Amino acid sequence: MSCRGQVVYTRIGNEPNRAKHTIMIKVWDNYRVPGRVRLMYYLIAINVLALMATMDDPGLLRAGGVVPFEWFSGQAIHAHRAPILITVIWSMFLHGGWSHVFWNMLFLLIFGRNVEAKLKAPRFFVFYISCGIAGFLAHVIANHESTSLVVGASGAISGLMGAYLVWFGDHMLRIRLGWRGTRIREFEFPVWMAILMWLMPTLLNAFLPLPGSVSQVSYISHVGGFAWGFFLAKQPIKRKSIQWDVKKGEGGSNRGPFVND
């Protein structure tokens, strides 16, 4: 199969034809699976807007984050908390800051397009939400006494990466960087290698953290979401209502700190 990438240009200034005003940045799979992609962009917009809303009203963050302690004690950490079943969905669209949302949305942009094109929007949405829930469940089970809020879309996005490894692991990830049209550099390496480079330190931080180290990242949520996405992608389920085609190549609270999922 012949796979070709496309150059994406972002131009600065009012003279688009002048190369010296050109900055080129692209990180993308070099093969685009045919199909309409729209929901992924809506998810990105919702996450960004949700962050802007919580910056104006931090109470939205404290009300919607997942708190493991509540799941087992039945007690809310404060009066203005949403029900547990709502927080597990709400938390997926909350982030701890611009850096947190930037990296999550970048990974969603890279790995979301081909997965949505393959599954189509309705199944993609169910898949995305289920992976996010799996990530939060893993965190809650591993930290059942924690009163810290956990927020973020990392579990859902990690699930996309798990499915990506199954369905599109033979694709190539292409990175193009350039400045002023004269210093273009291109790097290309297998998608499976890029995902494993992310997965290995994630597993180490989740299960073998350095003694005395304290992290504000819920690595166990990443592992839970990834494992669930990988598991679903491996299932040869074919029914009228749902179909997973696994052919390859087609394409804080006042009682604890925030935890970035």
C-alpha atoms as a PDB file:
ATOM      1  CA  MET A   1       0.000   0.000   0.000  1.00  0.00           C
ATOM      2  CA  SER A   2       1.343   3.372  -0.925  1.00  0.00           C
ATOM      3  CA  CYS A   3       0.960   5.949   1.833  1.00  0.00           C
ATOM      4  CA  ARG A   4       1.603   9.610   1.197  1.00  0.00           C
ATOM      5  CA  GLY A   5       1.373  12.494   3.626  1.00  0.00           C
ATOM      6  CA  GLN A   6       0.318  16.025   2.851  1.00  0.00           C
ATOM      7  CA  VAL A   7       2.149  19.178   3.791  1.00  0.00           C
ATOM      8  CA  VAL A   8       0.239  21.560   6.042  1.00  0.00           C
ATOM      9  CA  TYR A   9       1.306  25.204   6.025  1.00  0.00           C
ATOM     10  CA  THR A  10       0.613  27.883   8.598  1.00  0.00           C
ATOM     11  CA  ARG A  11       1.609  31.283   7.262  1.00  0.00           C
ATOM     12  CA  ILE A  12       2.392  34.380   9.273  1.00  0.00           C
ATOM     13  CA  GLY A  13       1.902  37.808   7.699  1.00  0.00           C
ATOM     14  CA  ASN A  14      -0.082  39.138   4.771  1.00  0.00           C
ATOM     15  CA  GLU A  15       2.093  37.701   2.005  1.00  0.00           C
ATOM     16  CA  PRO A  16       1.321  33.976   1.800  1.00  0.00           C
ATOM     17  CA  ASN A  17       3.610  33.382  -1.183  1.00  0.00           C
ATOM     18  CA  ARG A  18       6.774  34.514   0.549  1.00  0.00           C
ATOM     19  CA  ALA A  19       8.585  31.451   1.910  1.00  0.00           C
ATOM     20  CA  LYS A  20      10.407  33.416   4.585  1.00  0.00           C
ATOM     21  CA  HIS A  21       7.089  33.964   6.376  1.00  0.00           C
ATOM     22  CA  THR A  22       6.267  30.250   6.446  1.00  0.00           C
ATOM     23  CA  ILE A  23       6.217  28.036   9.495  1.00  0.00           C
ATOM     24  CA  MET A  24       5.444  24.369   8.896  1.00  0.00           C
ATOM     25  CA  ILE A  25       4.477  22.051  11.749  1.00  0.00           C
ATOM     26  CA  LYS A  26       2.790  18.720  11.210  1.00  0.00           C
ATOM     27  CA  VAL A  27       2.441  15.556  13.270  1.00  0.00           C
ATOM     28  CA  TRP A  28       0.191  13.046  11.545  1.00  0.00           C
ATOM     29  CA  ASP A  29      -0.420   9.507  10.449  1.00  0.00           C
ATOM     30  CA  ASN A  30       0.732   9.286   6.852  1.00  0.00           C
ATOM     31  CA  TYR A  31      -2.417   7.447   5.778  1.00  0.00           C
ATOM     32  CA  ARG A  32      -5.896   8.882   6.108  1.00  0.00           C
ATOM     33  CA  VAL A  33      -8.645   6.283   6.446  1.00  0.00           C
ATOM     34  CA  PRO A  34     -11.535   7.257   4.128  1.00  0.00           C
ATOM     35  CA  GLY A  35     -14.601   8.532   5.937  1.00  0.00           C
ATOM     36  CA  ARG A  36     -16.161  11.668   7.375  1.00  0.00           C
ATOM     37  CA  VAL A  37     -14.578  13.017  10.550  1.00  0.00           C
ATOM     38  CA  ARG A  38     -16.506  15.625  12.481  1.00  0.00           C
ATOM     39  CA  LEU A  39     -17.217  14.506  16.057  1.00  0.00           C
ATOM     40  CA  MET A  40     -13.534  14.565  16.995  1.00  0.00           C
ATOM     41  CA  TYR A  41     -13.366  18.298  16.272  1.00  0.00           C
ATOM     42  CA  TYR A  42     -16.508  18.886  18.346  1.00  0.00           C
ATOM     43  CA  LEU A  43     -14.878  17.042  21.256  1.00  0.00           C
ATOM     44  CA  ILE A  44     -11.799  19.246  20.996  1.00  0.00           C
ATOM     45  CA  ALA A  45     -13.947  22.380  20.956  1.00  0.00           C
ATOM     46  CA  ILE A  46     -16.005  21.207  23.953  1.00  0.00           C
ATOM     47  CA  ASN A  47     -12.868  20.459  25.980  1.00  0.00           C
ATOM     48  CA  VAL A  48     -11.368  23.870  25.246  1.00  0.00           C
ATOM     49  CA  LEU A  49     -14.628  25.680  26.020  1.00  0.00           C
ATOM     50  CA  ALA A  50     -15.023  23.672  29.238  1.00  0.00           C
ATOM     51  CA  LEU A  51     -11.563  24.753  30.369  1.00  0.00           C
ATOM     52  CA  MET A  52     -12.406  28.390  29.664  1.00  0.00           C
ATOM     53  CA  ALA A  53     -15.632  28.007  31.676  1.00  0.00           C
ATOM     54  CA  THR A  54     -13.827  26.458  34.674  1.00  0.00           C
ATOM     55  CA  MET A  55     -11.240  29.241  34.599  1.00  0.00           C
ATOM     56  CA  ASP A  56     -14.104  31.724  35.065  1.00  0.00           C
ATOM     57  CA  ASP A  57     -15.809  29.539  37.660  1.00  0.00           C
ATOM     58  CA  PRO A  58     -13.465  27.050  39.422  1.00  0.00           C
ATOM     59  CA  GLY A  59     -16.498  25.659  41.218  1.00  0.00           C
ATOM     60  CA  LEU A  60     -17.379  23.761  38.048  1.00  0.00           C
ATOM     61  CA  LEU A  61     -14.109  21.871  38.351  1.00  0.00           C
ATOM     62  CA  ARG A  62     -14.621  21.057  42.026  1.00  0.00           C
ATOM     63  CA  ALA A  63     -18.203  19.978  41.364  1.00  0.00           C
ATOM     64  CA  GLY A  64     -17.456  17.647  38.449  1.00  0.00           C
ATOM     65  CA  GLY A  65     -14.152  15.929  39.163  1.00  0.00           C
ATOM     66  CA  VAL A  66     -14.046  12.256  40.100  1.00  0.00           C
ATOM     67  CA  VAL A  67     -13.191  11.612  43.780  1.00  0.00           C
ATOM     68  CA  PRO A  68     -12.463   7.932  44.616  1.00  0.00           C
ATOM     69  CA  PHE A  69     -13.267   8.401  48.327  1.00  0.00           C
ATOM     70  CA  GLU A  70     -16.887   9.191  47.460  1.00  0.00           C
ATOM     71  CA  TRP A  71     -17.360   5.936  45.572  1.00  0.00           C
ATOM     72  CA  PHE A  72     -16.654   3.785  48.622  1.00  0.00           C
ATOM     73  CA  SER A  73     -17.801   5.989  51.494  1.00  0.00           C
ATOM     74  CA  GLY A  74     -21.003   7.310  49.971  1.00  0.00           C
ATOM     75  CA  GLN A  75     -20.130  10.747  51.330  1.00  0.00           C
ATOM     76  CA  ALA A  76     -19.453  13.829  49.237  1.00  0.00           C
ATOM     77  CA  ILE A  77     -16.286  15.751  50.076  1.00  0.00           C
ATOM     78  CA  HIS A  78     -18.318  18.967  50.096  1.00  0.00           C
ATOM     79  CA  ALA A  79     -21.888  20.130  49.528  1.00  0.00           C
ATOM     80  CA  HIS A  80     -21.615  21.282  45.922  1.00  0.00           C
ATOM     81  CA  ARG A  81     -20.785  17.977  44.256  1.00  0.00           C
ATOM     82  CA  ALA A  82     -22.490  16.352  41.281  1.00  0.00           C
ATOM     83  CA  PRO A  83     -23.693  12.730  41.624  1.00  0.00           C
ATOM     84  CA  ILE A  84     -21.029  10.089  41.004  1.00  0.00           C
ATOM     85  CA  LEU A  85     -22.559   8.866  37.736  1.00  0.00           C
ATOM     86  CA  ILE A  86     -22.467  12.403  36.376  1.00  0.00           C
ATOM     87  CA  THR A  87     -18.921  13.154  37.519  1.00  0.00           C
ATOM     88  CA  VAL A  88     -17.519  10.152  35.671  1.00  0.00           C
ATOM     89  CA  ILE A  89     -18.700  11.717  32.384  1.00  0.00           C
ATOM     90  CA  TRP A  90     -18.245  15.352  33.394  1.00  0.00           C
ATOM     91  CA  SER A  91     -14.618  14.778  34.391  1.00  0.00           C
ATOM     92  CA  MET A  92     -13.766  13.672  30.860  1.00  0.00           C
ATOM     93  CA  PHE A  93     -14.306  17.216  29.642  1.00  0.00           C
ATOM     94  CA  LEU A  94     -12.474  18.987  32.472  1.00  0.00           C
ATOM     95  CA  HIS A  95      -8.775  19.826  32.584  1.00  0.00           C
ATOM     96  CA  GLY A  96      -6.369  21.321  35.080  1.00  0.00           C
ATOM     97  CA  GLY A  97      -4.933  23.984  32.775  1.00  0.00           C
ATOM     98  CA  TRP A  98      -3.924  24.939  29.254  1.00  0.00           C
ATOM     99  CA  SER A  99      -0.920  22.607  29.166  1.00  0.00           C
ATOM    100  CA  HIS A 100      -3.085  19.680  30.253  1.00  0.00           C
ATOM    101  CA  VAL A 101      -5.755  20.292  27.619  1.00  0.00           C
ATOM    102  CA  PHE A 102      -3.178  21.080  24.910  1.00  0.00           C
ATOM    103  CA  TRP A 103      -1.400  17.744  25.128  1.00  0.00           C
ATOM    104  CA  ASN A 104      -4.619  15.751  25.435  1.00  0.00           C
ATOM    105  CA  MET A 105      -6.175  17.467  22.434  1.00  0.00           C
ATOM    106  CA  LEU A 106      -2.973  17.068  20.407  1.00  0.00           C
ATOM    107  CA  PHE A 107      -3.065  13.312  20.970  1.00  0.00           C
ATOM    108  CA  LEU A 108      -6.790  13.283  20.179  1.00  0.00           C
ATOM    109  CA  LEU A 109      -6.070  15.130  16.945  1.00  0.00           C
ATOM    110  CA  ILE A 110      -3.348  12.668  15.941  1.00  0.00           C
ATOM    111  CA  PHE A 111      -5.098   9.433  16.864  1.00  0.00           C
ATOM    112  CA  GLY A 112      -8.784  10.370  16.696  1.00  0.00           C
ATOM    113  CA  ARG A 113      -9.306  10.977  12.977  1.00  0.00           C
ATOM    114  CA  ASN A 114      -8.673   7.462  11.667  1.00  0.00           C
ATOM    115  CA  VAL A 115     -10.535   5.825  14.549  1.00  0.00           C
ATOM    116  CA  GLU A 116     -13.621   7.977  13.954  1.00  0.00           C
ATOM    117  CA  ALA A 117     -13.412   7.401  10.202  1.00  0.00           C
ATOM    118  CA  LYS A 118     -13.341   3.660  10.847  1.00  0.00           C
ATOM    119  CA  LEU A 119     -16.085   3.469  13.483  1.00  0.00           C
ATOM    120  CA  LYS A 120     -18.293   6.380  12.309  1.00  0.00           C
ATOM    121  CA  ALA A 121     -19.439   9.071  14.725  1.00  0.00           C
ATOM    122  CA  PRO A 122     -22.024   7.234  16.922  1.00  0.00           C
ATOM    123  CA  ARG A 123     -19.811   4.200  17.623  1.00  0.00           C
ATOM    124  CA  PHE A 124     -16.778   6.443  17.985  1.00  0.00           C
ATOM    125  CA  PHE A 125     -18.542   8.448  20.696  1.00  0.00           C
ATOM    126  CA  VAL A 126     -19.556   5.291  22.608  1.00  0.00           C
ATOM    127  CA  PHE A 127     -16.029   3.934  22.257  1.00  0.00           C
ATOM    128  CA  TYR A 128     -14.475   7.211  23.460  1.00  0.00           C
ATOM    129  CA  ILE A 129     -16.757   7.533  26.499  1.00  0.00           C
ATOM    130  CA  SER A 130     -16.318   3.875  27.496  1.00  0.00           C
ATOM    131  CA  CYS A 131     -12.518   4.214  27.424  1.00  0.00           C
ATOM    132  CA  GLY A 132     -12.739   7.336  29.576  1.00  0.00           C
ATOM    133  CA  ILE A 133     -14.928   5.503  32.085  1.00  0.00           C
ATOM    134  CA  ALA A 134     -12.470   2.581  32.126  1.00  0.00           C
ATOM    135  CA  GLY A 135      -9.635   4.984  32.888  1.00  0.00           C
ATOM    136  CA  PHE A 136     -11.497   6.555  35.810  1.00  0.00           C
ATOM    137  CA  LEU A 137     -12.500   3.132  37.170  1.00  0.00           C
ATOM    138  CA  ALA A 138      -8.861   2.044  37.164  1.00  0.00           C
ATOM    139  CA  HIS A 139      -7.908   5.177  39.097  1.00  0.00           C
ATOM    140  CA  VAL A 140     -10.742   4.784  41.607  1.00  0.00           C
ATOM    141  CA  ILE A 141      -9.877   1.134  42.302  1.00  0.00           C
ATOM    142  CA  ALA A 142      -6.178   1.887  42.713  1.00  0.00           C
ATOM    143  CA  ASN A 143      -6.748   4.988  44.870  1.00  0.00           C
ATOM    144  CA  HIS A 144      -9.945   4.165  46.739  1.00  0.00           C
ATOM    145  CA  GLU A 145      -9.079   6.313  49.795  1.00  0.00           C
ATOM    146  CA  SER A 146      -8.042   9.384  47.826  1.00  0.00           C
ATOM    147  CA  THR A 147      -9.977  12.630  48.261  1.00  0.00           C
ATOM    148  CA  SER A 148      -8.189  14.314  45.348  1.00  0.00           C
ATOM    149  CA  LEU A 149     -10.119  15.302  42.243  1.00  0.00           C
ATOM    150  CA  VAL A 150      -9.128  13.535  39.040  1.00  0.00           C
ATOM    151  CA  VAL A 151     -10.012  15.214  35.760  1.00  0.00           C
ATOM    152  CA  GLY A 152      -9.085  14.905  32.109  1.00  0.00           C
ATOM    153  CA  ALA A 153      -9.686  13.077  28.860  1.00  0.00           C
ATOM    154  CA  SER A 154      -6.498  11.015  29.028  1.00  0.00           C
ATOM    155  CA  GLY A 155      -8.265   7.727  29.732  1.00  0.00           C
ATOM    156  CA  ALA A 156     -10.478   8.151  26.672  1.00  0.00           C
ATOM    157  CA  ILE A 157      -7.569   9.203  24.457  1.00  0.00           C
ATOM    158  CA  SER A 158      -5.405   6.367  25.761  1.00  0.00           C
ATOM    159  CA  GLY A 159      -8.198   4.027  24.690  1.00  0.00           C
ATOM    160  CA  LEU A 160      -7.976   5.446  21.177  1.00  0.00           C
ATOM    161  CA  MET A 161      -4.265   4.699  21.216  1.00  0.00           C
ATOM    162  CA  GLY A 162      -4.935   1.128  22.299  1.00  0.00           C
ATOM    163  CA  ALA A 163      -7.299   0.639  19.377  1.00  0.00           C
ATOM    164  CA  TYR A 164      -4.860   2.403  17.072  1.00  0.00           C
ATOM    165  CA  LEU A 165      -2.166  -0.123  17.932  1.00  0.00           C
ATOM    166  CA  VAL A 166      -4.504  -2.931  16.857  1.00  0.00           C
ATOM    167  CA  TRP A 167      -6.007  -1.378  13.744  1.00  0.00           C
ATOM    168  CA  PHE A 168      -3.313   0.943  12.425  1.00  0.00           C
ATOM    169  CA  GLY A 169      -0.085  -0.221  14.043  1.00  0.00           C
ATOM    170  CA  ASP A 170       1.453  -0.758  10.596  1.00  0.00           C
ATOM    171  CA  HIS A 171       1.002   2.907   9.631  1.00  0.00           C
ATOM    172  CA  MET A 172       3.789   5.452   9.782  1.00  0.00           C
ATOM    173  CA  LEU A 173       3.780   8.564  11.962  1.00  0.00           C
ATOM    174  CA  ARG A 174       5.231  11.555  10.146  1.00  0.00           C
ATOM    175  CA  ILE A 175       6.611  14.709  11.740  1.00  0.00           C
ATOM    176  CA  ARG A 176       7.511  17.734   9.615  1.00  0.00           C
ATOM    177  CA  LEU A 177       9.114  20.832  11.049  1.00  0.00           C
ATOM    178  CA  GLY A 178      10.278  23.895   9.169  1.00  0.00           C
ATOM    179  CA  TRP A 179      11.022  27.605   9.381  1.00  0.00           C
ATOM    180  CA  ARG A 180      11.069  30.171   6.583  1.00  0.00           C
ATOM    181  CA  GLY A 181      10.803  27.489   3.930  1.00  0.00           C
ATOM    182  CA  THR A 182      14.500  26.600   3.997  1.00  0.00           C
ATOM    183  CA  ARG A 183      14.976  24.374   7.025  1.00  0.00           C
ATOM    184  CA  ILE A 184      12.428  21.624   6.567  1.00  0.00           C
ATOM    185  CA  ARG A 185      13.042  18.450   8.516  1.00  0.00           C
ATOM    186  CA  GLU A 186      10.966  15.307   8.216  1.00  0.00           C
ATOM    187  CA  PHE A 187      10.944  12.349  10.568  1.00  0.00           C
ATOM    188  CA  GLU A 188       8.965   9.182   9.995  1.00  0.00           C
ATOM    189  CA  PHE A 189       8.661   6.085  12.165  1.00  0.00           C
ATOM    190  CA  PRO A 190       6.112   3.298  12.757  1.00  0.00           C
ATOM    191  CA  VAL A 191       2.991   4.113  14.733  1.00  0.00           C
ATOM    192  CA  TRP A 192       3.507   1.038  16.919  1.00  0.00           C
ATOM    193  CA  MET A 193       6.903   2.372  17.949  1.00  0.00           C
ATOM    194  CA  ALA A 194       5.496   5.800  18.858  1.00  0.00           C
ATOM    195  CA  ILE A 195       2.744   4.220  20.976  1.00  0.00           C
ATOM    196  CA  LEU A 196       5.157   1.880  22.758  1.00  0.00           C
ATOM    197  CA  MET A 197       7.476   4.814  23.483  1.00  0.00           C
ATOM    198  CA  TRP A 198       4.529   6.408  25.291  1.00  0.00           C
ATOM    199  CA  LEU A 199       3.268   3.177  26.879  1.00  0.00           C
ATOM    200  CA  MET A 200       6.478   1.923  28.493  1.00  0.00           C
ATOM    201  CA  PRO A 201       7.116   4.936  30.781  1.00  0.00           C
ATOM    202  CA  THR A 202       3.383   5.070  31.482  1.00  0.00           C
ATOM    203  CA  LEU A 203       3.440   1.490  32.776  1.00  0.00           C
ATOM    204  CA  LEU A 204       6.583   2.134  34.824  1.00  0.00           C
ATOM    205  CA  ASN A 205       5.099   5.235  36.450  1.00  0.00           C
ATOM    206  CA  ALA A 206       1.808   3.429  37.112  1.00  0.00           C
ATOM    207  CA  PHE A 207       3.204   0.243  38.671  1.00  0.00           C
ATOM    208  CA  LEU A 208       6.854   0.932  39.555  1.00  0.00           C
ATOM    209  CA  PRO A 209       7.108   4.594  40.539  1.00  0.00           C
ATOM    210  CA  LEU A 210      10.351   5.896  41.953  1.00  0.00           C
ATOM    211  CA  PRO A 211      10.452   5.728  45.780  1.00  0.00           C
ATOM    212  CA  GLY A 212       9.281   8.988  47.309  1.00  0.00           C
ATOM    213  CA  SER A 213       8.079  10.395  43.993  1.00  0.00           C
ATOM    214  CA  VAL A 214       4.753  12.230  43.921  1.00  0.00           C
ATOM    215  CA  SER A 215       3.022  12.830  40.594  1.00  0.00           C
ATOM    216  CA  GLN A 216      -0.027  14.885  39.694  1.00  0.00           C
ATOM    217  CA  VAL A 217      -0.647  12.604  36.701  1.00  0.00           C
ATOM    218  CA  SER A 218      -2.909   9.581  37.048  1.00  0.00           C
ATOM    219  CA  TYR A 219      -0.878   7.097  35.022  1.00  0.00           C
ATOM    220  CA  ILE A 220      -3.160   4.254  36.095  1.00  0.00           C
ATOM    221  CA  SER A 221      -6.015   6.008  34.270  1.00  0.00           C
ATOM    222  CA  HIS A 222      -3.930   5.969  31.106  1.00  0.00           C
ATOM    223  CA  VAL A 223      -3.284   2.251  31.537  1.00  0.00           C
ATOM    224  CA  GLY A 224      -6.955   1.472  32.209  1.00  0.00           C
ATOM    225  CA  GLY A 225      -8.174   3.407  29.189  1.00  0.00           C
ATOM    226  CA  PHE A 226      -5.499   1.950  26.922  1.00  0.00           C
ATOM    227  CA  ALA A 227      -6.213  -1.629  28.017  1.00  0.00           C
ATOM    228  CA  TRP A 228      -9.963  -1.225  27.454  1.00  0.00           C
ATOM    229  CA  GLY A 229      -9.506   0.318  24.025  1.00  0.00           C
ATOM    230  CA  PHE A 230      -7.053  -2.413  23.039  1.00  0.00           C
ATOM    231  CA  PHE A 231      -9.463  -5.084  24.291  1.00  0.00           C
ATOM    232  CA  LEU A 232     -12.442  -3.675  22.373  1.00  0.00           C
ATOM    233  CA  ALA A 233     -10.430  -3.359  19.168  1.00  0.00           C
ATOM    234  CA  LYS A 234      -9.464  -7.029  19.371  1.00  0.00           C
ATOM    235  CA  GLN A 235     -13.085  -8.194  19.527  1.00  0.00           C
ATOM    236  CA  PRO A 236     -14.439  -9.553  16.205  1.00  0.00           C
ATOM    237  CA  ILE A 237     -17.971  -8.413  17.045  1.00  0.00           C
ATOM    238  CA  LYS A 238     -20.348  -8.076  14.115  1.00  0.00           C
ATOM    239  CA  ARG A 239     -23.980  -7.311  14.748  1.00  0.00           C
ATOM    240  CA  LYS A 240     -26.648  -5.116  13.229  1.00  0.00           C
ATOM    241  CA  SER A 241     -26.324  -2.573  16.024  1.00  0.00           C
ATOM    242  CA  ILE A 242     -22.535  -2.511  16.304  1.00  0.00           C
ATOM    243  CA  GLN A 243     -19.550  -3.645  14.314  1.00  0.00           C
ATOM    244  CA  TRP A 244     -15.847  -3.611  15.070  1.00  0.00           C
ATOM    245  CA  ASP A 245     -13.892  -4.194  11.877  1.00  0.00           C
ATOM    246  CA  VAL A 246     -10.385  -5.237  12.913  1.00  0.00           C
ATOM    247  CA  LYS A 247      -8.771  -5.406   9.474  1.00  0.00           C
ATOM    248  CA  LYS A 248      -5.380  -3.723   9.523  1.00  0.00           C
ATOM    249  CA  GLY A 249      -4.131  -1.134   7.092  1.00  0.00           C
ATOM    250  CA  GLU A 250      -7.448   0.575   6.404  1.00  0.00           C
ATOM    251  CA  GLY A 251      -6.678   3.003   7.056  1.00  0.00           C
ATOM    252  CA  GLY A 252      -8.424  20.451  43.956  1.00  0.00           C
ATOM    253  CA  SER A 253     -10.832  20.189  46.033  1.00  0.00           C
ATOM    254  CA  ASN A 254     -10.428  21.709  49.495  1.00  0.00           C
ATOM    255  CA  ARG A 255      -9.410  18.264  50.781  1.00  0.00           C
ATOM    256  CA  GLY A 256      -6.802  17.331  48.227  1.00  0.00           C
ATOM    257  CA  PRO A 257      -4.904  18.426  45.118  1.00  0.00           C
ATOM    258  CA  PHE A 258      -6.035  18.057  41.540  1.00  0.00           C
ATOM    259  CA  VAL A 259      -4.883  15.026  39.617  1.00  0.00           C
ATOM    260  CA  ASN A 260      -4.484  15.378  35.876  1.00  0.00           C
ATOM    261  CA  ASP A 261      -5.778  12.273  34.192  1.00  0.00           C
END
